Amino acid sequence: MQAVINNILESSIAQDSGLEKGDIILSINGNPVRDVIDYMFYSKDNTLALKVQRGNKTHQFRIKKTDNDYLGVELKSFRIKPCRNKCIFCFVDQMPKGMRTSLYVKDDDYRMSFLYGNYITLTNLTSADKKRIIEQKLSPLYISVHTTNNDLRKKIIGNAKAPDILKELHELTAHKIKIHAQVVMTPGVNDIEDLSRTLKDLLKFYPYVASIAVVPVGLTRYRKSQIQPYEKSGALKVIDAVKQERARLKKRHGDPVVYLADEFYIKAELPLPPLKEYGDLPQLENGVGLVSSFLHAAKKLKLPRKIDPRKVATFTGTSFMPYLEEFAKKMNMIEGLGLDIFKVENKFFGQTVTVTGLLTGKDVIKAIGGKTDADCLLVPNVTLKYGSDVFLDNVTLQDVEECLGMNVKAIDPTPEGLLKGIANGCKWEN
């Protein structure tokens, strides 16, 4: 592993010190630097001695800074540790051929978990990895547990050599590493009885197991297994099984600790808990509390009474449509605004995939084409590759513009993001 400088920001401390793109940071204050985590960990001091390789030569740099100073160094991405498991519900294995290469990458890398909140199984940690996690306090980590029954867990993740998950968690939490755990529920595999045991085992590590997300298995039409998705009756049973445990934990700790994915409530056709029931939203990226967060923000958002005339369209996945539709009614009370909302069914992955973030450009075009006279389409940016304008199927925003014959803008998938998109991104032209 090498810490190669990919970019130096203009007028930064790093540029003023003479560092250059392509330099390899060998050490900081005598500590070897392998990747961005080492760089973050060792560059916190205000006086830094950097040993840098440039070509065949080694250079020394001494840098002084204050606590709030940013050096202005961006490192190249490190090589990701691949996943060795064959999970029975692996989403990557449920994708068709021909998509961009990055979508087929299966990572099980503790560094990605620490930096970005990616879930890992702890099945490929070396003793050196564990030592580093503990020494550098790489916390929190996001762990896919699924079950604490080790024999069953080995079957679920498809790895007969998977270590005892409770022993792994004990070792980490004993050194005060915080864990956010997830349990992916699969009908007929890890059932209600197993869930109760798993929650009981995990809660022994509280407060270092800080949250537990219970989420339904995600399935596409390309799956090769016979696994079935949750229906209403099954979702109701899961909610009922977790309800009492959440109430007990809330009373004891002031925190329910265990959180159900929004999808369970939607499938059960039940109201979602209010936002205050989700604490500090520790599992938001796991689809836990997204709807309640949106509804809360929508309620607080102050809308203008009048704007210059404009016709705007936006869309969402099937599961979120009722909530966006309700907010759209409120938005359409603004004088001068015409807002069309479209529900896009996921033809690409199949109707069991109902979230907005997995919609493709082609499905969006099919759902909206010829059905609106809007001047502008606002695209929730969760449908796009991070930092780009590309959908999962490699359709771009420009492609959508050309097919629909209207301006297309990406927005944050929040009430404020929608309002900003309407006010700033979609100026009406006669």
Protein backbone atom coordinates (compact mmCIF):
# COMPACT_ATOMS: atom_id res chain seq x y z
CA MET A 1 0.00 0.00 0.00
CA GLN A 2 1.22 3.48 -0.87
CA ALA A 3 -0.10 6.94 0.01
CA VAL A 4 0.17 8.60 -3.39
CA ILE A 5 -0.83 12.26 -3.67
CA ASN A 6 -3.57 12.57 -6.30
CA ASN A 7 -4.16 16.30 -6.00
CA ILE A 8 -2.82 19.40 -4.24
CA LEU A 9 -5.31 22.17 -3.62
CA GLU A 10 -4.47 25.63 -4.89
CA SER A 11 -2.98 28.06 -2.33
CA SER A 12 -2.92 25.32 0.30
CA ILE A 13 -0.29 24.64 2.95
CA ALA A 14 0.79 21.57 0.98
CA GLN A 15 1.34 23.61 -2.19
CA ASP A 16 3.23 26.32 -0.30
CA SER A 17 5.41 23.62 1.28
CA GLY A 18 6.43 22.23 -2.10
CA LEU A 19 4.48 18.96 -2.15
CA GLU A 20 3.46 17.82 -5.62
CA LYS A 21 0.95 15.54 -7.29
CA GLY A 22 2.46 12.05 -7.64
CA ASP A 23 4.56 12.31 -4.48
CA ILE A 24 4.40 9.27 -2.23
CA ILE A 25 4.10 10.06 1.48
CA LEU A 26 6.29 7.46 3.18
CA SER A 27 5.95 8.64 6.77
CA ILE A 28 4.68 11.44 9.01
CA ASN A 29 6.62 12.14 12.19
CA GLY A 30 8.33 8.78 11.78
CA ASN A 31 5.08 6.83 11.42
CA PRO A 32 4.67 4.83 8.18
CA VAL A 33 1.75 6.02 6.03
CA ARG A 34 -0.08 3.32 4.08
CA ASP A 35 -3.29 5.07 3.11
CA VAL A 36 -5.65 7.96 3.78
CA ILE A 37 -6.49 6.69 7.28
CA ASP A 38 -2.84 6.77 8.35
CA TYR A 39 -2.56 10.20 6.77
CA MET A 40 -5.61 11.46 8.73
CA PHE A 41 -4.40 9.85 11.95
CA TYR A 42 -0.82 11.13 11.90
CA SER A 43 -1.37 14.57 10.35
CA LYS A 44 -3.36 15.85 13.33
CA ASP A 45 -0.23 17.24 15.00
CA ASN A 46 0.60 20.89 14.39
CA THR A 47 4.24 20.17 13.55
CA LEU A 48 4.73 17.58 10.83
CA ALA A 49 7.87 15.96 9.46
CA LEU A 50 7.02 14.32 6.14
CA LYS A 51 9.24 11.83 4.36
CA VAL A 52 8.25 11.83 0.71
CA GLN A 53 9.38 9.84 -2.32
CA ARG A 54 9.48 11.74 -5.62
CA GLY A 55 10.69 9.59 -8.47
CA ASN A 56 13.85 7.84 -7.30
CA LYS A 57 14.65 10.43 -4.64
CA THR A 58 13.51 10.89 -1.06
CA HIS A 59 12.69 14.36 0.29
CA GLN A 60 12.00 15.73 3.77
CA PHE A 61 9.34 18.38 4.44
CA ARG A 62 8.67 20.20 7.70
CA ILE A 63 5.24 21.75 8.01
CA LYS A 64 3.72 23.86 10.78
CA LYS A 65 -0.01 24.41 11.04
CA THR A 66 -2.78 25.16 13.53
CA ASP A 67 -5.53 22.80 14.66
CA ASN A 68 -7.99 24.18 12.10
CA ASP A 69 -5.61 24.18 9.13
CA TYR A 70 -6.20 21.76 6.25
CA LEU A 71 -3.04 20.68 4.44
CA GLY A 72 -4.76 20.50 1.06
CA VAL A 73 -3.59 16.98 0.14
CA GLU A 74 -5.88 14.50 -1.61
CA LEU A 75 -4.63 10.91 -1.85
CA LYS A 76 -5.36 8.28 -4.46
CA SER A 77 -7.92 5.65 -3.47
CA PHE A 78 -6.53 2.52 -1.88
CA ARG A 79 -7.06 -0.98 -3.25
CA ILE A 80 -10.23 -2.36 -1.65
CA LYS A 81 -10.20 -5.69 0.20
CA PRO A 82 -12.70 -7.88 -1.66
CA CYS A 83 -15.49 -9.86 -0.06
CA ARG A 84 -14.83 -13.61 0.23
CA ASN A 85 -18.41 -14.49 1.08
CA LYS A 86 -21.25 -15.78 -1.08
CA CYS A 87 -24.24 -14.31 0.72
CA ILE A 88 -27.54 -15.88 -0.25
CA PHE A 89 -28.98 -12.41 -0.88
CA CYS A 90 -25.90 -10.61 -2.24
CA PHE A 91 -27.22 -7.72 -4.32
CA VAL A 92 -24.16 -7.70 -6.59
CA ASP A 93 -24.91 -11.31 -7.56
CA GLN A 94 -28.46 -10.23 -8.41
CA MET A 95 -27.40 -7.75 -11.08
CA PRO A 96 -27.45 -8.41 -14.81
CA LYS A 97 -24.35 -8.47 -16.97
CA GLY A 98 -23.18 -5.48 -18.96
CA MET A 99 -23.28 -2.77 -16.31
CA ARG A 100 -20.28 -0.61 -15.39
CA THR A 101 -17.46 -2.49 -13.74
CA SER A 102 -17.56 -0.61 -10.43
CA LEU A 103 -21.07 -1.94 -9.71
CA TYR A 104 -19.74 -5.49 -9.50
CA VAL A 105 -17.14 -4.70 -6.83
CA LYS A 106 -17.85 -6.55 -3.57
CA ASP A 107 -15.97 -4.92 -0.74
CA ASP A 108 -15.58 -6.22 2.78
CA ASP A 109 -13.03 -3.63 3.84
CA TYR A 110 -12.92 -2.25 7.38
CA ARG A 111 -11.41 0.98 6.03
CA MET A 112 -14.45 1.56 3.80
CA SER A 113 -16.65 0.85 6.80
CA PHE A 114 -14.86 3.45 8.90
CA LEU A 115 -14.64 6.08 6.16
CA TYR A 116 -17.99 5.65 4.40
CA GLY A 117 -20.25 3.49 6.54
CA ASN A 118 -20.05 0.41 4.30
CA TYR A 119 -21.20 -2.78 6.00
CA ILE A 120 -18.63 -5.52 6.57
CA THR A 121 -18.87 -9.07 7.92
CA LEU A 122 -15.56 -9.27 9.85
CA THR A 123 -14.73 -12.47 7.96
CA ASN A 124 -11.46 -11.29 6.40
CA LEU A 125 -9.81 -9.32 9.20
CA THR A 126 -6.20 -10.20 9.88
CA SER A 127 -4.59 -9.83 13.29
CA ALA A 128 -2.79 -6.76 11.89
CA ASP A 129 -6.13 -5.29 10.80
CA LYS A 130 -7.58 -5.75 14.28
CA LYS A 131 -4.50 -4.25 15.89
CA ARG A 132 -4.78 -1.20 13.66
CA ILE A 133 -8.51 -0.76 14.32
CA ILE A 134 -7.87 -0.82 18.05
CA GLU A 135 -4.75 1.35 18.06
CA GLN A 136 -6.17 4.01 15.75
CA LYS A 137 -9.67 3.77 17.25
CA LEU A 138 -11.29 3.28 13.86
CA SER A 139 -14.79 3.76 15.17
CA PRO A 140 -17.65 3.44 14.43
CA LEU A 141 -17.67 0.37 12.22
CA TYR A 142 -20.75 -0.95 10.43
CA ILE A 143 -21.18 -4.70 10.79
CA SER A 144 -23.49 -7.12 8.96
CA VAL A 145 -24.44 -9.60 11.66
CA HIS A 146 -27.72 -11.13 10.35
CA THR A 147 -27.72 -13.72 13.13
CA THR A 148 -25.61 -14.69 16.15
CA ASN A 149 -26.26 -18.37 15.45
CA ASN A 150 -22.87 -19.12 13.92
CA ASP A 151 -23.93 -22.20 11.96
CA LEU A 152 -26.82 -20.29 10.42
CA ARG A 153 -24.64 -17.24 9.79
CA LYS A 154 -22.14 -19.35 7.86
CA LYS A 155 -24.97 -20.52 5.61
CA ILE A 156 -26.37 -17.01 5.14
CA ILE A 157 -23.06 -15.45 4.18
CA GLY A 158 -21.86 -18.54 2.33
CA ASN A 159 -18.61 -18.87 4.23
CA ALA A 160 -17.92 -22.05 6.19
CA LYS A 161 -14.79 -20.47 7.69
CA ALA A 162 -16.53 -17.39 9.09
CA PRO A 163 -15.34 -16.70 12.66
CA ASP A 164 -17.61 -16.61 15.70
CA ILE A 165 -19.36 -13.24 15.34
CA LEU A 166 -19.87 -12.78 19.08
CA LYS A 167 -16.16 -13.32 19.77
CA GLU A 168 -15.28 -10.81 17.08
CA LEU A 169 -17.68 -8.24 18.49
CA HIS A 170 -16.44 -8.87 22.03
CA GLU A 171 -12.84 -8.20 20.99
CA LEU A 172 -13.76 -4.91 19.31
CA THR A 173 -16.16 -3.60 21.95
CA ALA A 174 -13.75 -4.54 24.74
CA HIS A 175 -11.48 -1.88 23.22
CA LYS A 176 -14.37 0.61 23.01
CA ILE A 177 -14.86 0.36 19.25
CA LYS A 178 -18.41 1.49 18.53
CA ILE A 179 -20.51 -0.75 16.29
CA HIS A 180 -23.60 -0.10 14.19
CA ALA A 181 -25.02 -3.53 13.35
CA GLN A 182 -27.49 -4.68 10.75
CA VAL A 183 -29.67 -7.77 10.58
CA VAL A 184 -30.98 -8.54 7.10
CA MET A 185 -34.17 -10.54 7.62
CA THR A 186 -34.89 -13.28 5.08
CA PRO A 187 -38.26 -15.09 5.21
CA GLY A 188 -37.83 -18.75 6.15
CA VAL A 189 -34.13 -18.32 6.97
CA ASN A 190 -33.50 -16.12 10.03
CA ASP A 191 -37.00 -16.06 11.45
CA ILE A 192 -38.62 -14.21 14.36
CA GLU A 193 -37.28 -16.61 17.00
CA ASP A 194 -33.76 -16.23 15.65
CA LEU A 195 -34.15 -12.44 15.54
CA SER A 196 -35.09 -12.37 19.23
CA ARG A 197 -31.99 -14.36 20.13
CA THR A 198 -29.77 -12.19 17.94
CA LEU A 199 -31.05 -8.96 19.46
CA LYS A 200 -30.58 -10.35 22.96
CA ASP A 201 -26.97 -11.32 22.17
CA LEU A 202 -26.11 -8.00 20.53
CA LEU A 203 -27.64 -5.88 23.26
CA LYS A 204 -25.17 -7.37 25.76
CA PHE A 205 -22.57 -5.16 24.07
CA TYR A 206 -24.55 -1.93 24.53
CA PRO A 207 -23.54 0.93 24.47
CA TYR A 208 -20.66 -0.10 22.16
CA VAL A 209 -23.15 -1.80 19.88
CA ALA A 210 -24.83 1.57 19.54
CA SER A 211 -27.59 0.71 17.08
CA ILE A 212 -29.10 -2.32 15.36
CA ALA A 213 -30.97 -1.97 12.07
CA VAL A 214 -33.41 -4.71 11.13
CA VAL A 215 -33.97 -4.58 7.38
CA PRO A 216 -35.84 -6.80 4.89
CA VAL A 217 -33.89 -8.71 2.26
CA GLY A 218 -33.55 -6.90 -1.06
CA LEU A 219 -34.30 -8.99 -4.13
CA THR A 220 -34.17 -8.32 -7.87
CA ARG A 221 -35.73 -10.22 -10.75
CA TYR A 222 -32.28 -11.58 -11.58
CA ARG A 223 -31.97 -13.58 -8.36
CA LYS A 224 -31.18 -17.25 -8.82
CA SER A 225 -32.29 -18.39 -5.37
CA GLN A 226 -35.81 -19.24 -4.25
CA ILE A 227 -35.79 -16.56 -1.55
CA GLN A 228 -39.02 -14.58 -1.44
CA PRO A 229 -39.53 -10.96 -0.35
CA TYR A 230 -41.51 -9.90 2.70
CA GLU A 231 -45.25 -9.44 2.29
CA LYS A 232 -47.62 -7.56 4.58
CA SER A 233 -48.23 -10.41 7.04
CA GLY A 234 -44.54 -11.12 7.48
CA ALA A 235 -43.73 -7.44 7.94
CA LEU A 236 -46.39 -7.14 10.63
CA LYS A 237 -44.85 -10.06 12.54
CA VAL A 238 -41.38 -8.49 12.45
CA ILE A 239 -42.72 -5.14 13.66
CA ASP A 240 -44.63 -6.82 16.47
CA ALA A 241 -41.56 -8.84 17.51
CA VAL A 242 -39.39 -5.73 17.79
CA LYS A 243 -41.99 -3.39 19.29
CA GLN A 244 -41.77 -4.56 22.91
CA GLU A 245 -37.97 -4.71 22.85
CA ARG A 246 -37.78 -1.14 21.56
CA ALA A 247 -40.13 0.10 24.29
CA ARG A 248 -38.08 -1.66 26.99
CA LEU A 249 -34.81 -0.21 25.70
CA LYS A 250 -36.29 3.26 25.34
CA LYS A 251 -37.45 3.17 28.95
CA ARG A 252 -34.11 1.85 30.22
CA HIS A 253 -31.63 3.81 28.09
CA GLY A 254 -33.67 6.64 26.60
CA ASP A 255 -32.79 5.10 23.23
CA PRO A 256 -34.62 2.26 21.46
CA VAL A 257 -31.27 1.02 20.02
CA VAL A 258 -33.11 -1.36 17.65
CA TYR A 259 -34.52 0.28 14.52
CA LEU A 260 -36.70 -1.13 11.78
CA ALA A 261 -36.18 -0.18 8.16
CA ASP A 262 -38.87 2.09 6.72
CA GLU A 263 -39.73 -0.66 4.25
CA PHE A 264 -41.19 -2.87 6.97
CA TYR A 265 -43.75 -0.18 7.92
CA ILE A 266 -44.52 0.52 4.27
CA LYS A 267 -45.08 -3.17 3.51
CA ALA A 268 -47.21 -3.51 6.65
CA GLU A 269 -49.22 -0.43 5.64
CA LEU A 270 -48.59 1.14 9.03
CA PRO A 271 -47.66 4.74 9.93
CA LEU A 272 -43.97 5.29 10.47
CA PRO A 273 -42.69 6.34 13.90
CA PRO A 274 -42.11 10.08 14.39
CA LEU A 275 -38.60 11.40 13.82
CA LYS A 276 -37.88 11.64 17.56
CA GLU A 277 -38.02 7.82 17.71
CA TYR A 278 -34.90 7.54 15.53
CA GLY A 279 -32.41 9.22 17.88
CA ASP A 280 -29.56 10.80 15.93
CA LEU A 281 -30.45 8.76 12.81
CA PRO A 282 -27.48 6.35 13.09
CA GLN A 283 -28.76 4.08 10.31
CA LEU A 284 -30.22 6.65 7.89
CA GLU A 285 -28.16 5.37 4.95
CA ASN A 286 -29.63 1.93 5.61
CA GLY A 287 -33.16 3.15 4.90
CA VAL A 288 -33.99 3.66 8.58
CA GLY A 289 -35.78 6.93 9.31
CA LEU A 290 -35.61 8.35 5.79
CA VAL A 291 -39.37 8.79 5.44
CA SER A 292 -39.85 10.29 8.90
CA SER A 293 -36.91 12.62 8.29
CA PHE A 294 -38.49 13.79 5.02
CA LEU A 295 -41.94 14.28 6.58
CA HIS A 296 -40.48 16.21 9.51
CA ALA A 297 -38.49 18.48 7.19
CA ALA A 298 -41.55 18.98 4.96
CA LYS A 299 -43.63 20.05 7.94
CA LYS A 300 -41.04 22.62 9.05
CA LEU A 301 -40.27 24.02 5.60
CA LYS A 302 -41.60 27.51 4.92
CA LEU A 303 -42.97 27.80 1.41
CA PRO A 304 -43.34 31.01 -0.59
CA ARG A 305 -46.88 32.10 -1.38
CA LYS A 306 -46.03 33.01 -4.95
CA ILE A 307 -43.26 32.45 -7.52
CA ASP A 308 -42.74 33.33 -11.16
CA PRO A 309 -44.72 30.88 -13.35
CA ARG A 310 -43.01 27.56 -13.99
CA LYS A 311 -43.95 23.97 -14.69
CA VAL A 312 -41.79 21.35 -13.00
CA ALA A 313 -41.76 17.55 -12.80
CA THR A 314 -40.00 15.12 -10.48
CA PHE A 315 -40.26 11.42 -9.66
CA THR A 316 -39.74 8.79 -7.00
CA GLY A 317 -39.83 5.03 -6.50
CA THR A 318 -43.08 3.22 -5.79
CA SER A 319 -42.60 2.90 -2.01
CA PHE A 320 -42.10 6.63 -1.42
CA MET A 321 -44.78 7.86 -3.82
CA PRO A 322 -47.58 8.37 -1.21
CA TYR A 323 -45.35 10.60 0.91
CA LEU A 324 -44.04 12.70 -1.98
CA GLU A 325 -47.56 13.00 -3.38
CA GLU A 326 -48.79 14.44 -0.10
CA PHE A 327 -45.97 16.98 -0.04
CA ALA A 328 -46.66 17.87 -3.69
CA LYS A 329 -50.21 18.88 -2.78
CA LYS A 330 -48.74 21.39 -0.37
CA MET A 331 -46.24 22.58 -2.97
CA ASN A 332 -48.92 23.08 -5.60
CA MET A 333 -50.63 25.63 -3.37
CA ILE A 334 -47.79 28.01 -4.31
CA GLU A 335 -49.19 30.47 -6.84
CA GLY A 336 -47.38 30.18 -10.17
CA LEU A 337 -46.13 26.61 -9.63
CA GLY A 338 -47.26 23.56 -11.52
CA LEU A 339 -45.61 20.45 -10.07
CA ASP A 340 -46.10 17.00 -11.59
CA ILE A 341 -45.07 13.93 -9.56
CA PHE A 342 -44.34 10.61 -11.23
CA LYS A 343 -44.15 7.14 -9.72
CA VAL A 344 -41.48 5.15 -11.54
CA GLU A 345 -41.74 1.38 -11.42
CA ASN A 346 -38.43 -0.44 -11.53
CA LYS A 347 -38.69 -2.50 -14.70
CA PHE A 348 -34.92 -2.98 -14.76
CA PHE A 349 -34.45 -4.74 -11.43
CA GLY A 350 -38.06 -5.83 -11.03
CA GLN A 351 -41.07 -4.63 -9.05
CA THR A 352 -39.71 -5.98 -5.76
CA VAL A 353 -37.17 -3.13 -5.89
CA THR A 354 -39.16 -0.07 -4.85
CA VAL A 355 -36.59 2.48 -3.66
CA THR A 356 -35.73 5.61 -5.62
CA GLY A 357 -31.98 5.12 -5.45
CA LEU A 358 -32.06 2.02 -7.69
CA LEU A 359 -34.08 3.52 -10.55
CA THR A 360 -32.47 3.58 -13.98
CA GLY A 361 -32.47 6.35 -16.56
CA LYS A 362 -34.41 4.26 -19.07
CA ASP A 363 -37.19 3.53 -16.58
CA VAL A 364 -37.42 7.24 -15.77
CA ILE A 365 -37.68 8.15 -19.45
CA LYS A 366 -40.39 5.52 -20.05
CA ALA A 367 -42.42 6.65 -17.04
CA ILE A 368 -42.36 10.38 -17.87
CA GLY A 369 -42.04 10.64 -21.65
CA GLY A 370 -45.09 12.28 -23.25
CA LYS A 371 -46.97 12.60 -19.96
CA THR A 372 -46.09 16.14 -18.86
CA ASP A 373 -45.68 19.59 -20.35
CA ALA A 374 -43.17 20.56 -17.68
CA ASP A 375 -40.24 22.74 -18.65
CA CYS A 376 -37.88 21.05 -16.21
CA LEU A 377 -37.33 17.64 -14.61
CA LEU A 378 -35.77 17.52 -11.13
CA VAL A 379 -33.83 14.29 -10.59
CA PRO A 380 -33.16 13.05 -7.02
CA ASN A 381 -29.37 12.72 -6.92
CA VAL A 382 -29.60 9.36 -5.12
CA THR A 383 -30.33 7.84 -8.54
CA LEU A 384 -26.95 9.01 -9.86
CA LYS A 385 -23.42 7.77 -9.38
CA TYR A 386 -21.85 9.85 -6.61
CA GLY A 387 -20.40 13.08 -7.95
CA SER A 388 -21.59 12.43 -11.51
CA ASP A 389 -24.64 12.71 -13.77
CA VAL A 390 -24.84 8.99 -14.63
CA PHE A 391 -27.68 6.58 -13.71
CA LEU A 392 -27.08 2.90 -12.89
CA ASP A 393 -27.67 1.94 -16.55
CA ASN A 394 -25.12 4.54 -17.80
CA VAL A 395 -27.85 6.86 -19.04
CA THR A 396 -26.79 10.47 -18.37
CA LEU A 397 -28.79 13.54 -17.45
CA GLN A 398 -28.06 14.88 -20.93
CA ASP A 399 -29.55 11.69 -22.41
CA VAL A 400 -32.71 12.27 -20.39
CA GLU A 401 -32.84 15.91 -21.52
CA GLU A 402 -32.62 14.89 -25.17
CA CYS A 403 -35.23 12.14 -24.85
CA LEU A 404 -37.78 14.19 -22.88
CA GLY A 405 -37.10 17.59 -24.48
CA MET A 406 -36.85 19.49 -21.22
CA ASN A 407 -34.19 20.83 -18.88
CA VAL A 408 -32.97 18.25 -16.35
CA LYS A 409 -31.39 19.14 -13.00
CA ALA A 410 -30.15 16.99 -10.11
CA ILE A 411 -31.38 17.88 -6.62
CA ASP A 412 -31.00 16.69 -3.06
CA PRO A 413 -33.87 14.27 -2.24
CA THR A 414 -35.23 16.46 0.56
CA PRO A 415 -38.11 18.95 0.80
CA GLU A 416 -35.58 21.79 0.87
CA GLY A 417 -33.76 20.28 -2.10
CA LEU A 418 -36.99 20.13 -4.09
CA LEU A 419 -37.88 23.71 -3.24
CA LYS A 420 -34.39 24.93 -4.15
CA GLY A 421 -34.56 23.03 -7.41
CA ILE A 422 -37.86 24.65 -8.25
CA ALA A 423 -36.69 28.14 -7.26
CA ASN A 424 -33.17 28.06 -8.71
CA GLY A 425 -32.81 25.21 -11.15
CA CYS A 426 -35.98 25.51 -13.20
CA LYS A 427 -36.44 29.07 -14.37
CA TRP A 428 -39.43 29.29 -16.66
CA GLU A 429 -38.82 30.45 -20.21
CA ASN A 430 -41.61 31.47 -22.57
